Amino acid sequence: MTLFDALGFRWDRSAVPTTVPTHSLERVCFRFHKMLPEFVWDASVLEGNPLTFPEIKTLLDGVTVGGRKISDQEQILNLAESSKRLLTIVKSGQFSLTKNVFIELNGIVVRKEALEWGIFRGEGQETNYTPDVGLGERGRYTPLPTLPGAPELNRVFNEGVTALQECEPFERATAFFLFGTLQQFFFDGNKRTSRFMMNGVLMSHGIDAISVPAAKVQEFNEKMVRFYLSKDATEMMDFLAGCHPDAEAILPPPEKL
C-alpha cells in the first residue's frame, strides 16, 4: 500500500520543506513552554472560543474570568493542560506517533466537551453515531462510519502511521495532522489533538512547534474546506510551513514578477 493510499489523501511531496532548522530538545521545549499562552490563544480562536488573550492569560494564572461560560473556560484549561502534558512526554523522550499517546491527549483536550473522549469512535458506549464536518456552503464531509470496536478506524490508523515512517520529520508531522483531521478518529477535538501530535513529532526531532496564528483563522478554515473536498494536501502543507517560526528559512523565496 502506498503512502497516499494509506492516508486517504495526496500532496506534492517535492514542495514539502526538507531542510528545516533543528535545535536541542531543551531549546524547542523551552520555546513551547514560553509560548504556551499564545499557543492556547491561537488554538482557542480556531475553535471559536470568545475569551480574549488577556482573559486567557488570567485564566492560566489560576484566576477565573467573570462573565464567561464555564464551558469556554474549561476548553481553555483543557488546551493548557494538554499542552503541558505533551511537553512532559516530549521532554522525557517518551513521545511516539502511537494510538496510546493520541488517545491520551484527546482525553485531555475535549474532556467534558465531547460525546466521549480518550477513545476512538466506536470503542465506548456510543457505537452508531457518525459525526460529520461542516464545510459551510460546500456542504458536509462525512468520515468512515462509527462501528462497534472501531475496526476500520484502527486499521486505517495503523496503516497510516506505518506508512508515515518513510517521511522525514517535518513531512510526517504535518501529514499526520491532516490525517487525523480527515479520518476523524474521535467524536470531537480531532484538529486540536492532531496538532498536538504534529508538534510532538516536530519537537521530538528538535524542530520548533507550529501554531496557526489567530489572525490566519479564516485562511486556515478556507484551505481546510478545500482539503476535505479535494483530498489534496499540497496547499495545507504549504500553509503549515508558512506558520512555522522558521518559515522564511524553509520556504522557497517568492517568484519575482
Protein backbone atom coordinates (compact mmCIF):
# COMPACT_ATOMS: atom_id res chain seq x y z
CA MET A 1 0.00 0.00 0.00
CA THR A 2 1.38 3.40 -0.97
CA LEU A 3 1.69 6.34 1.41
CA PHE A 4 -1.19 8.22 -0.20
CA ASP A 5 -3.46 5.17 -0.24
CA ALA A 6 -2.81 4.54 3.45
CA LEU A 7 -3.56 8.13 4.48
CA GLY A 8 -6.50 8.77 2.18
CA PHE A 9 -5.10 11.92 0.59
CA ARG A 10 -2.17 13.10 -1.51
CA TRP A 11 0.19 16.05 -1.90
CA ASP A 12 3.13 17.26 -3.97
CA ARG A 13 6.00 15.76 -1.99
CA SER A 14 8.56 17.85 -3.86
CA ALA A 15 7.00 21.01 -2.39
CA VAL A 16 7.45 19.98 1.26
CA PRO A 17 10.46 21.60 3.03
CA THR A 18 13.28 19.10 3.51
CA THR A 19 15.79 21.37 5.23
CA VAL A 20 14.34 22.63 8.50
CA PRO A 21 16.42 24.25 11.28
CA THR A 22 16.87 21.94 14.26
CA HIS A 23 17.78 22.70 17.85
CA SER A 24 18.34 20.82 21.07
CA LEU A 25 15.35 19.18 22.74
CA GLU A 26 15.75 21.57 25.66
CA ARG A 27 15.64 24.58 23.34
CA VAL A 28 12.46 23.60 21.48
CA CYS A 29 10.72 22.62 24.72
CA PHE A 30 11.71 25.93 26.32
CA ARG A 31 10.20 27.84 23.41
CA PHE A 32 6.99 25.81 23.56
CA HIS A 33 6.69 26.46 27.30
CA LYS A 34 7.40 30.17 26.88
CA MET A 35 4.85 30.49 24.06
CA LEU A 36 2.15 28.40 25.76
CA PRO A 37 -0.33 31.29 26.33
CA GLU A 38 -0.04 32.28 22.66
CA PHE A 39 -0.43 28.65 21.52
CA VAL A 40 -3.55 28.24 23.67
CA TRP A 41 -4.93 31.54 22.39
CA ASP A 42 -4.35 30.58 18.76
CA ALA A 43 -5.99 27.18 19.25
CA SER A 44 -8.96 28.70 21.06
CA VAL A 45 -9.61 31.17 18.24
CA LEU A 46 -9.67 28.29 15.74
CA GLU A 47 -12.40 26.75 17.90
CA GLY A 48 -14.41 29.97 18.06
CA ASN A 49 -13.79 30.43 21.77
CA PRO A 50 -14.74 34.01 22.77
CA LEU A 51 -12.14 34.53 25.52
CA THR A 52 -9.63 37.27 24.77
CA PHE A 53 -5.87 36.85 25.06
CA PRO A 54 -5.67 38.82 28.37
CA GLU A 55 -8.53 36.69 29.75
CA ILE A 56 -6.72 33.51 28.76
CA LYS A 57 -3.54 34.68 30.48
CA THR A 58 -5.60 35.44 33.58
CA LEU A 59 -7.18 32.00 33.47
CA LEU A 60 -3.80 30.31 33.04
CA ASP A 61 -2.60 32.21 36.11
CA GLY A 62 -5.30 30.42 38.10
CA VAL A 63 -7.83 33.26 38.28
CA THR A 64 -11.36 32.75 36.96
CA VAL A 65 -12.79 35.21 34.44
CA GLY A 66 -16.14 36.76 35.27
CA GLY A 67 -18.99 36.79 32.77
CA ARG A 68 -17.68 33.88 30.70
CA LYS A 69 -19.29 30.47 30.24
CA ILE A 70 -17.79 27.68 32.31
CA SER A 71 -17.59 25.53 29.17
CA ASP A 72 -15.49 28.18 27.38
CA GLN A 73 -13.14 28.42 30.34
CA GLU A 74 -12.87 24.64 30.59
CA GLN A 75 -11.92 24.44 26.91
CA ILE A 76 -9.04 26.84 27.58
CA LEU A 77 -7.88 24.91 30.64
CA ASN A 78 -8.04 21.64 28.69
CA LEU A 79 -5.87 23.14 25.95
CA ALA A 80 -3.38 24.35 28.53
CA GLU A 81 -3.28 21.02 30.37
CA SER A 82 -2.85 19.02 27.17
CA SER A 83 -0.05 21.37 26.10
CA LYS A 84 1.73 20.77 29.39
CA ARG A 85 1.20 17.02 29.12
CA LEU A 86 2.64 16.99 25.60
CA LEU A 87 5.64 18.96 26.85
CA THR A 88 6.23 16.44 29.64
CA ILE A 89 6.03 13.49 27.23
CA VAL A 90 8.43 15.11 24.75
CA LYS A 91 10.94 16.25 27.40
CA SER A 92 11.07 12.74 28.87
CA GLY A 93 11.76 11.24 25.45
CA GLN A 94 8.55 9.21 25.59
CA PHE A 95 6.69 10.79 22.69
CA SER A 96 5.81 8.47 19.84
CA LEU A 97 3.36 8.52 16.96
CA THR A 98 1.13 5.89 18.55
CA LYS A 99 -2.50 5.39 19.44
CA ASN A 100 -1.72 5.43 23.16
CA VAL A 101 -0.31 8.97 23.01
CA PHE A 102 -3.04 10.09 20.60
CA ILE A 103 -5.92 8.95 22.82
CA GLU A 104 -4.25 10.24 26.00
CA LEU A 105 -4.02 13.74 24.55
CA ASN A 106 -7.59 13.61 23.21
CA GLY A 107 -8.76 12.57 26.67
CA ILE A 108 -7.45 15.88 27.99
CA VAL A 109 -8.23 18.12 25.01
CA VAL A 110 -12.01 17.50 24.95
CA ARG A 111 -12.66 16.28 28.50
CA LYS A 112 -16.32 17.01 29.40
CA GLU A 113 -16.76 18.64 25.99
CA ALA A 114 -17.24 15.69 23.62
CA LEU A 115 -19.73 12.82 23.49
CA GLU A 116 -16.86 10.55 24.56
CA TRP A 117 -13.16 11.28 24.81
CA GLY A 118 -9.88 9.40 25.00
CA ILE A 119 -11.11 6.54 22.78
CA PHE A 120 -11.66 6.05 19.06
CA ARG A 121 -15.24 6.36 17.81
CA GLY A 122 -16.99 3.06 18.48
CA GLU A 123 -14.72 1.87 21.30
CA GLY A 124 -17.01 3.22 24.01
CA GLN A 125 -20.72 3.11 24.69
CA GLU A 126 -21.70 5.03 21.53
CA THR A 127 -21.31 2.75 18.52
CA ASN A 128 -23.73 4.17 15.94
CA TYR A 129 -23.38 7.95 15.72
CA THR A 130 -21.04 9.19 12.98
CA PRO A 131 -20.20 12.90 13.24
CA ASP A 132 -19.56 14.96 10.14
CA VAL A 133 -17.68 18.17 9.44
CA GLY A 134 -19.49 21.30 8.32
CA LEU A 135 -17.99 22.90 5.21
CA GLY A 136 -20.27 25.91 5.06
CA GLU A 137 -21.83 26.47 1.66
CA ARG A 138 -19.84 23.50 0.32
CA GLY A 139 -21.92 21.05 2.37
CA ARG A 140 -20.59 18.49 4.83
CA TYR A 141 -17.78 15.96 4.96
CA THR A 142 -18.60 12.52 6.37
CA PRO A 143 -15.72 10.28 7.54
CA LEU A 144 -15.69 6.50 8.00
CA PRO A 145 -18.76 5.31 9.91
CA THR A 146 -18.62 4.62 13.64
CA LEU A 147 -18.65 0.85 14.20
CA PRO A 148 -18.57 -1.23 17.42
CA GLY A 149 -14.93 -1.70 18.41
CA ALA A 150 -13.73 0.73 15.71
CA PRO A 151 -12.15 -1.99 13.50
CA GLU A 152 -11.86 0.22 10.41
CA LEU A 153 -10.57 3.26 12.27
CA ASN A 154 -7.91 1.13 13.97
CA ARG A 155 -6.91 -0.43 10.66
CA VAL A 156 -6.67 2.96 8.95
CA PHE A 157 -4.70 4.42 11.86
CA ASN A 158 -2.20 1.56 11.97
CA GLU A 159 -1.66 1.54 8.21
CA GLY A 160 -1.36 5.33 8.11
CA VAL A 161 1.19 5.56 10.92
CA THR A 162 3.22 2.73 9.41
CA ALA A 163 3.26 4.43 6.01
CA LEU A 164 4.31 7.77 7.54
CA GLN A 165 7.57 6.27 8.76
CA GLU A 166 9.02 6.74 5.27
CA CYS A 167 8.62 10.51 5.60
CA GLU A 168 11.12 12.98 7.02
CA PRO A 169 10.01 14.51 10.37
CA PHE A 170 8.52 17.75 9.02
CA GLU A 171 6.53 15.98 6.32
CA ARG A 172 5.48 13.22 8.75
CA ALA A 173 4.30 15.75 11.33
CA THR A 174 2.22 17.91 9.02
CA ALA A 175 0.83 14.87 7.19
CA PHE A 176 -0.28 13.34 10.48
CA PHE A 177 -2.17 16.49 11.39
CA LEU A 178 -4.12 16.28 8.14
CA PHE A 179 -4.52 12.51 8.50
CA GLY A 180 -6.11 12.83 11.94
CA THR A 181 -8.26 15.72 10.79
CA LEU A 182 -9.53 13.89 7.70
CA GLN A 183 -10.21 10.50 9.27
CA GLN A 184 -11.92 11.92 12.40
CA PHE A 185 -10.83 9.18 14.80
CA PHE A 186 -12.61 10.90 17.71
CA PHE A 187 -16.09 12.32 18.22
CA ASP A 188 -14.56 15.77 18.75
CA GLY A 189 -11.23 17.56 19.05
CA ASN A 190 -9.65 15.90 16.03
CA LYS A 191 -7.90 19.02 14.74
CA ARG A 192 -6.72 20.04 18.20
CA THR A 193 -5.44 16.60 19.12
CA SER A 194 -3.80 16.07 15.73
CA ARG A 195 -2.00 19.42 16.02
CA PHE A 196 -0.58 18.31 19.36
CA MET A 197 0.65 15.09 17.73
CA MET A 198 2.15 17.13 14.89
CA ASN A 199 4.05 19.25 17.37
CA GLY A 200 5.10 16.19 19.32
CA VAL A 201 6.76 14.81 16.19
CA LEU A 202 8.41 18.14 15.45
CA MET A 203 9.74 18.86 18.93
CA SER A 204 10.97 15.32 19.50
CA HIS A 205 13.15 15.84 16.41
CA GLY A 206 14.43 19.23 17.56
CA ILE A 207 12.10 21.26 15.34
CA ASP A 208 10.10 24.15 16.78
CA ALA A 209 6.35 23.63 17.21
CA ILE A 210 3.83 25.16 14.81
CA SER A 211 0.89 27.27 15.90
CA VAL A 212 -1.72 28.55 13.45
CA PRO A 213 -1.92 32.28 14.26
CA ALA A 214 -5.29 33.64 15.35
CA ALA A 215 -5.01 36.21 12.55
CA LYS A 216 -4.98 33.39 9.97
CA VAL A 217 -8.11 31.59 11.18
CA GLN A 218 -10.16 32.47 8.08
CA GLU A 219 -7.38 31.41 5.74
CA PHE A 220 -6.94 28.18 7.69
CA ASN A 221 -10.64 27.36 7.53
CA GLU A 222 -10.89 28.11 3.80
CA LYS A 223 -7.91 25.91 2.97
CA MET A 224 -9.19 23.10 5.19
CA VAL A 225 -12.52 23.11 3.34
CA ARG A 226 -10.67 22.72 0.06
CA PHE A 227 -8.60 19.91 1.56
CA TYR A 228 -11.69 17.98 2.70
CA LEU A 229 -13.22 18.32 -0.76
CA SER A 230 -10.15 17.64 -2.94
CA LYS A 231 -8.12 15.30 -0.68
CA ASP A 232 -5.10 17.24 -1.94
CA ALA A 233 -2.96 18.44 0.97
CA THR A 234 -0.38 20.45 -1.01
CA GLU A 235 -1.97 23.80 -0.15
CA MET A 236 -2.33 22.95 3.54
CA MET A 237 1.23 21.64 3.74
CA ASP A 238 2.46 24.95 2.36
CA PHE A 239 0.21 26.86 4.77
CA LEU A 240 1.53 24.96 7.79
CA ALA A 241 5.11 25.53 6.66
CA GLY A 242 4.28 29.23 6.43
CA CYS A 243 3.11 29.18 10.05
CA HIS A 244 6.43 27.76 11.27
CA PRO A 245 8.66 30.27 13.10
CA ASP A 246 11.45 29.48 10.61
CA ALA A 247 9.16 29.89 7.60
CA GLU A 248 11.49 32.30 5.81
CA ALA A 249 14.32 29.80 6.05
CA ILE A 250 12.42 26.71 4.96
CA LEU A 251 10.16 28.06 2.23
CA PRO A 252 11.47 28.97 -1.23
CA PRO A 253 11.58 32.72 -1.91
CA PRO A 254 8.56 34.07 -3.80
CA GLU A 255 9.00 34.25 -7.54
CA LYS A 256 9.74 37.71 -8.85
CA LEU A 257 7.34 39.11 -11.40
